[in-house]
N, C-alpha and C. Protein backbone atom coordinates (compact mmCIF):
# COMPACT_ATOMS: atom_id res chain seq x y z
N UNK A 1 0.78 -1.24 -0.33
CA UNK A 1 -0.23 -0.03 0.12
C UNK A 1 0.13 1.32 0.28
N UNK A 2 2.28 1.12 0.26
CA UNK A 2 2.42 2.39 0.58
C UNK A 2 3.16 3.13 -1.03
N UNK A 3 3.05 2.04 -1.69
CA UNK A 3 2.98 2.48 -3.60
C UNK A 3 2.49 3.38 -3.65
N UNK A 4 0.93 3.08 -3.60
CA UNK A 4 0.07 3.90 -3.54
C UNK A 4 0.22 4.94 -3.92
N UNK A 5 0.25 5.63 -2.92
CA UNK A 5 0.57 7.56 -3.41
C UNK A 5 1.42 7.96 -4.23
N UNK A 6 2.64 6.79 -4.54
CA UNK A 6 3.48 7.36 -4.72
C UNK A 6 3.12 6.98 -6.55
N UNK A 7 2.82 5.84 -6.72
CA UNK A 7 1.97 5.65 -8.10
C UNK A 7 1.09 7.30 -8.49
N UNK A 8 0.05 7.32 -7.56
CA UNK A 8 -1.23 8.14 -7.67
C UNK A 8 0.24 9.85 -7.95
N UNK A 9 1.04 9.99 -7.14
CA UNK A 9 2.22 10.71 -8.06
C UNK A 9 1.94 11.27 -8.78
N UNK A 10 3.06 9.93 -9.66
CA UNK A 10 4.26 9.84 -10.97
C UNK A 10 2.94 9.94 -11.94
N UNK A 11 1.59 9.41 -11.84
CA UNK A 11 0.74 9.56 -12.82
C UNK A 11 0.49 11.49 -13.15
N UNK A 12 0.35 12.23 -12.15
CA UNK A 12 -0.10 12.67 -12.03
C UNK A 12 0.94 13.97 -12.46
N UNK A 13 2.18 14.09 -11.62
CA UNK A 13 2.83 14.37 -12.49
C UNK A 13 3.02 14.47 -13.87
N UNK A 14 2.98 12.81 -15.02
CA UNK A 14 2.88 13.32 -16.25
C UNK A 14 1.88 13.30 -16.71
N UNK A 15 0.68 12.62 -16.65
CA UNK A 15 -0.71 14.15 -17.00
C UNK A 15 -0.44 15.53 -17.12
N UNK A 16 0.29 16.03 -16.11
CA UNK A 16 0.57 17.85 -15.89
C UNK A 16 1.39 17.73 -16.61
N UNK A 17 2.30 17.31 -16.77
CA UNK A 17 3.75 17.85 -18.03
C UNK A 17 3.15 17.29 -19.55
N UNK A 18 2.27 16.74 -19.54
CA UNK A 18 1.77 16.48 -20.95
C UNK A 18 1.03 17.61 -21.65
N UNK A 19 0.22 17.84 -20.29
CA UNK A 19 -0.61 19.66 -20.98
C UNK A 19 -0.26 20.21 -21.01
N UNK A 20 1.43 20.85 -19.95
CA UNK A 20 2.19 21.64 -20.54
C UNK A 20 2.64 21.20 -21.66
N UNK A 21 3.51 20.48 -22.00
CA UNK A 21 3.83 20.08 -23.55
C UNK A 21 2.04 20.64 -24.68
N UNK A 22 1.50 19.93 -24.33
CA UNK A 22 0.23 21.11 -25.19
C UNK A 22 -0.09 21.67 -25.44
N UNK A 23 -0.47 22.43 -24.44
CA UNK A 23 -0.19 24.49 -24.32
C UNK A 23 1.18 25.16 -24.89
N UNK A 24 1.68 24.20 -24.91
CA UNK A 24 3.22 25.11 -26.20
C UNK A 24 2.83 25.28 -27.19
N UNK A 25 2.51 23.53 -28.27
CA UNK A 25 2.56 23.62 -29.77
C UNK A 25 1.46 24.25 -29.86
N UNK A 26 1.85 25.01 -30.96
CA UNK A 26 1.67 26.57 -31.90
C UNK A 26 0.16 26.04 -32.46
N UNK A 27 -0.56 26.57 -32.31
CA UNK A 27 -2.69 26.73 -33.22
C UNK A 27 -2.47 27.23 -34.00
N UNK A 28 -3.04 27.45 -35.35
CA UNK A 28 -3.18 27.89 -36.41
C UNK A 28 -4.49 27.54 -36.90
N UNK A 29 -5.47 28.90 -37.53
CA UNK A 29 -6.86 28.68 -37.82
C UNK A 29 -6.86 28.60 -38.77
N UNK A 30 -7.98 28.20 -40.30
CA UNK A 30 -7.62 27.65 -41.12
C UNK A 30 -9.32 27.88 -41.25
N UNK A 31 -9.84 28.93 -42.22
CA UNK A 31 -11.15 28.63 -42.53
C UNK A 31 -11.48 28.15 -44.00
N UNK A 32 -12.12 27.83 -44.37
CA UNK A 32 -12.23 27.08 -45.53
C UNK A 32 -13.78 27.40 -46.33
N UNK A 33 -13.84 28.43 -46.99
CA UNK A 33 -16.00 28.70 -47.40
C UNK A 33 -15.80 28.30 -48.97
N UNK A 34 -16.63 27.37 -49.06
CA UNK A 34 -16.64 27.55 -50.80
C UNK A 34 -15.96 27.69 -51.66
N UNK A 35 -15.17 26.86 -51.02
CA UNK A 35 -13.83 26.54 -52.02
C UNK A 35 -12.04 28.09 -51.77
N UNK A 36 -12.35 28.70 -50.81
CA UNK A 36 -11.43 29.36 -50.39
C UNK A 36 -11.09 29.27 -48.93
N UNK A 37 -9.67 29.35 -48.75
CA UNK A 37 -8.98 29.22 -47.56
C UNK A 37 -8.55 30.66 -47.16
N UNK A 38 -9.02 30.71 -45.56
CA UNK A 38 -8.58 31.50 -45.69
C UNK A 38 -7.91 31.63 -43.70
N UNK A 39 -6.79 31.66 -43.65
CA UNK A 39 -5.25 32.42 -45.23
C UNK A 39 -5.21 31.54 -46.20
N UNK A 40 -4.52 31.83 -46.95
CA UNK A 40 -4.16 30.68 -47.46
C UNK A 40 -2.35 30.22 -47.57
N UNK A 41 -1.79 31.71 -47.09
CA UNK A 41 -0.95 30.71 -46.56
C UNK A 41 -0.09 31.43 -44.76
N UNK A 42 0.19 30.14 -44.90
CA UNK A 42 0.23 29.91 -43.07
C UNK A 42 1.44 29.75 -42.86
N UNK A 43 2.10 31.10 -42.52
CA UNK A 43 3.33 30.58 -42.21
C UNK A 43 3.78 30.24 -40.57
N UNK A 44 4.53 28.92 -39.91
CA UNK A 44 4.39 28.06 -38.94
C UNK A 44 6.35 27.94 -38.84
N UNK A 45 6.57 27.75 -37.62
CA UNK A 45 7.85 27.58 -36.89
C UNK A 45 8.29 26.75 -37.69
N UNK A 46 9.63 26.03 -38.39
CA UNK A 46 9.78 24.95 -38.76
C UNK A 46 10.20 24.00 -37.68
N UNK A 47 10.84 23.11 -37.35
CA UNK A 47 10.99 22.03 -36.74
C UNK A 47 10.37 22.35 -35.31
N UNK A 48 9.13 22.93 -35.23
CA UNK A 48 8.14 22.47 -34.38
C UNK A 48 6.91 22.20 -34.52
N UNK A 49 6.07 20.83 -34.14
CA UNK A 49 5.30 20.35 -33.62
C UNK A 49 4.37 21.13 -33.61
N UNK A 50 3.17 21.62 -34.09
CA UNK A 50 1.51 22.65 -34.90
C UNK A 50 0.83 21.76 -35.05
N UNK A 51 -0.32 22.59 -34.82
CA UNK A 51 -1.60 22.06 -34.21
C UNK A 51 -2.33 23.08 -35.99
N UNK A 52 -3.50 22.54 -36.56
CA UNK A 52 -4.41 23.31 -38.01
C UNK A 52 -5.23 23.40 -37.15
N UNK A 53 -6.47 24.15 -36.55
CA UNK A 53 -7.90 23.72 -36.28
C UNK A 53 -8.24 24.27 -38.20
N UNK A 54 -8.84 23.57 -38.00
CA UNK A 54 -9.79 23.39 -39.59
C UNK A 54 -11.59 23.88 -39.69
N UNK A 55 -11.76 24.87 -40.14
CA UNK A 55 -13.38 25.10 -40.22
C UNK A 55 -14.20 25.13 -41.49
N UNK A 56 -14.90 24.91 -41.90
CA UNK A 56 -15.48 24.85 -43.02
C UNK A 56 -16.94 25.85 -42.70
N UNK A 57 -16.67 26.96 -43.11
CA UNK A 57 -17.63 28.02 -43.02
C UNK A 57 -18.45 27.92 -44.01
N UNK A 58 -18.52 27.19 -45.78
CA UNK A 58 -19.44 27.56 -46.21
C UNK A 58 -20.86 26.52 -46.32
N UNK A 59 -20.71 26.15 -47.04
CA UNK A 59 -21.98 25.93 -48.02
C UNK A 59 -22.29 24.66 -47.97
N UNK A 60 -21.56 23.69 -48.57
CA UNK A 60 -20.75 23.34 -49.62
C UNK A 60 -19.91 22.28 -48.82
N UNK A 61 -19.67 20.64 -48.92
CA UNK A 61 -18.10 19.96 -48.18
C UNK A 61 -16.92 20.78 -48.91
N UNK A 62 -16.61 20.35 -48.15
CA UNK A 62 -14.85 21.00 -47.84
C UNK A 62 -13.75 19.81 -47.34
N UNK A 63 -12.40 20.32 -48.47
CA UNK A 63 -11.55 19.56 -47.36
C UNK A 63 -9.57 19.87 -48.00
N UNK A 64 -8.94 19.60 -46.34
CA UNK A 64 -7.36 19.71 -47.22
C UNK A 64 -7.35 18.43 -46.81
N UNK A 65 -6.16 19.49 -48.49
CA UNK A 65 -5.52 18.26 -48.57
C UNK A 65 -4.13 18.24 -48.90
N UNK A 66 -3.61 17.85 -48.08
CA UNK A 66 -1.51 17.95 -49.19
C UNK A 66 -1.16 16.70 -49.02
N UNK A 67 -0.61 16.76 -50.20
CA UNK A 67 -0.08 15.20 -50.57
C UNK A 67 1.72 15.89 -50.36
N UNK A 68 2.68 16.74 -50.42
CA UNK A 68 3.17 16.53 -49.57
C UNK A 68 3.58 16.38 -47.90
N UNK A 69 2.48 16.70 -47.58
CA UNK A 69 2.85 16.24 -45.71
C UNK A 69 1.46 14.85 -45.55
N UNK A 70 1.15 14.41 -46.71
CA UNK A 70 -0.26 13.32 -46.43
C UNK A 70 -0.74 13.51 -45.15
N UNK A 71 -1.69 14.33 -45.04
CA UNK A 71 -2.73 14.76 -44.78
C UNK A 71 -3.97 14.87 -45.15
N UNK A 72 -5.33 14.51 -44.82
CA UNK A 72 -6.49 15.34 -45.05
C UNK A 72 -7.25 15.51 -44.35
N UNK A 73 -8.10 16.22 -44.48
CA UNK A 73 -9.53 16.24 -43.68
C UNK A 73 -10.30 16.87 -44.82
N UNK A 74 -11.92 15.97 -44.84
CA UNK A 74 -12.80 16.77 -45.54
C UNK A 74 -13.81 17.14 -44.29
N UNK A 75 -14.50 17.85 -44.11
CA UNK A 75 -15.38 18.30 -43.53
C UNK A 75 -16.54 18.88 -44.00
N UNK A 76 -18.07 18.26 -43.88
CA UNK A 76 -19.01 18.69 -43.89
C UNK A 76 -19.12 20.24 -43.82
N UNK A 77 -20.70 21.05 -44.67
CA UNK A 77 -20.79 22.43 -44.46
C UNK A 77 -21.17 22.54 -42.38
N UNK A 78 -20.46 23.43 -42.73
CA UNK A 78 -20.24 23.52 -40.65
C UNK A 78 -20.00 22.86 -40.24
N UNK A 79 -18.71 22.17 -40.19
CA UNK A 79 -18.29 21.05 -39.34
C UNK A 79 -16.57 21.53 -38.52
N UNK A 80 -16.40 21.33 -37.60
CA UNK A 80 -14.69 22.21 -37.42
C UNK A 80 -13.56 20.56 -37.00
N UNK A 81 -12.59 21.14 -37.54
CA UNK A 81 -11.81 19.28 -36.62
C UNK A 81 -9.55 20.55 -36.46
N UNK A 82 -9.35 19.43 -36.16
CA UNK A 82 -8.39 20.14 -36.89
C UNK A 82 -6.93 18.98 -37.00
N UNK A 83 -5.99 18.75 -37.47
CA UNK A 83 -4.97 18.60 -37.93
C UNK A 83 -3.17 18.50 -37.05
N UNK A 84 -2.56 17.70 -36.11
CA UNK A 84 -1.84 17.88 -35.74
C UNK A 84 0.11 17.72 -36.99
N UNK A 85 0.23 17.72 -37.06
CA UNK A 85 1.72 18.20 -38.05
C UNK A 85 3.35 18.11 -37.41
N UNK A 86 3.59 16.70 -37.83
CA UNK A 86 4.52 16.64 -36.62
C UNK A 86 5.87 18.15 -37.40
N UNK A 87 7.32 18.13 -36.99
CA UNK A 87 8.12 19.54 -37.48
C UNK A 87 8.52 19.32 -38.56
N UNK A 88 8.39 20.84 -39.62
CA UNK A 88 8.19 20.78 -40.41
C UNK A 88 10.29 20.51 -40.53
N UNK A 89 10.71 20.87 -41.57
CA UNK A 89 11.47 21.45 -42.74
C UNK A 89 11.33 22.42 -42.84
N UNK A 90 12.64 23.95 -42.85
CA UNK A 90 11.86 25.07 -43.24
C UNK A 90 11.79 24.97 -45.24
N UNK A 91 10.81 25.16 -45.61
CA UNK A 91 10.02 25.58 -46.94
C UNK A 91 8.72 25.67 -46.90
N UNK A 92 8.34 25.53 -47.78
CA UNK A 92 6.46 25.47 -48.82
C UNK A 92 6.82 23.84 -48.60
N UNK A 93 4.68 24.05 -48.67
CA UNK A 93 4.06 22.31 -48.27
C UNK A 93 2.47 22.78 -49.15
N UNK A 94 2.58 22.90 -50.13
CA UNK A 94 0.84 23.39 -50.91
C UNK A 94 0.09 22.77 -50.48
N UNK A 95 -0.66 22.78 -50.39
CA UNK A 95 -2.52 22.31 -50.09
C UNK A 95 -3.23 22.70 -50.49
N UNK A 96 -4.31 21.29 -50.76
CA UNK A 96 -5.71 22.15 -51.18
C UNK A 96 -6.72 21.67 -51.17
N UNK A 97 -8.03 22.44 -52.02
CA UNK A 97 -9.05 21.44 -51.44
C UNK A 97 -9.74 20.70 -52.82
N UNK A 98 -9.80 19.44 -52.97
CA UNK A 98 -9.91 18.93 -54.12
C UNK A 98 -11.77 19.25 -54.52
N UNK A 99 -12.53 19.60 -53.66
CA UNK A 99 -14.28 20.13 -53.75
C UNK A 99 -13.66 21.02 -54.59
N UNK A 100 -12.78 21.80 -54.93
CA UNK A 100 -13.08 23.10 -55.11
C UNK A 100 -11.28 23.20 -56.18
N UNK A 101 -11.04 23.10 -57.02
CA UNK A 101 -9.94 22.83 -57.17
C UNK A 101 -9.40 24.44 -58.04
N UNK A 102 -9.96 24.97 -59.05
CA UNK A 102 -10.10 26.40 -59.08
C UNK A 102 -9.43 26.77 -58.13
N UNK A 103 -9.81 27.42 -56.78
CA UNK A 103 -9.92 28.42 -56.45
C UNK A 103 -9.63 27.95 -55.19
N UNK A 104 -9.74 26.35 -54.86
CA UNK A 104 -8.91 26.64 -53.67
C UNK A 104 -7.13 26.00 -53.34
N UNK A 105 -6.63 26.94 -53.10
CA UNK A 105 -4.55 26.24 -52.84
C UNK A 105 -4.78 27.35 -52.16
N UNK A 106 -3.87 26.50 -51.58
CA UNK A 106 -3.00 27.19 -49.94
C UNK A 106 -1.80 27.02 -49.57
N UNK A 107 -1.18 27.19 -49.06
CA UNK A 107 0.79 26.90 -48.90
C UNK A 107 0.96 26.63 -47.05
N UNK A 108 1.82 26.10 -47.00
CA UNK A 108 2.39 26.13 -45.44
C UNK A 108 3.66 26.77 -45.57
N UNK A 109 4.24 27.54 -45.33
CA UNK A 109 5.30 27.88 -44.85
C UNK A 109 5.86 27.59 -43.88
N UNK A 110 7.86 26.91 -43.65
CA UNK A 110 7.64 26.57 -42.28
C UNK A 110 8.86 27.03 -42.27
N UNK A 111 9.24 27.99 -41.18
CA UNK A 111 10.24 29.27 -41.15
C UNK A 111 11.15 28.75 -39.61
C-alpha cells in the first residue's frame, strides 16, 4: 500500500507535464468557405510540432489535402476539426481543396 501514493503522484506529474507540452504547441486557424482558404498562406515555425484548426464555414463540403505532408481532412458544411503536424523542415508545402480545385489552393510555409 505504500506504493499507491507514489504511483498516484507519478501519474499526476506525467499528466501535468503532458498538458504543459500540449499548451506549448502553436495553433493556427484555417477557414474554408466555398472553395477559398483563409488565410491561403500559413507561416509556421520550422522544426516545431503544430496544430491547424480547420473550419468549414461554407455551404458545401470542403477538404484540406496536402500530398507532400500526407494529410487529408474532409469536412461537411459547418464542421470543425484539427490536424496535428510533426516538425517540418524549412520550406513550402502546398495544400488544396479537392472539391474546389480552381480556387481552393494554399501553402504552409515553415520558417
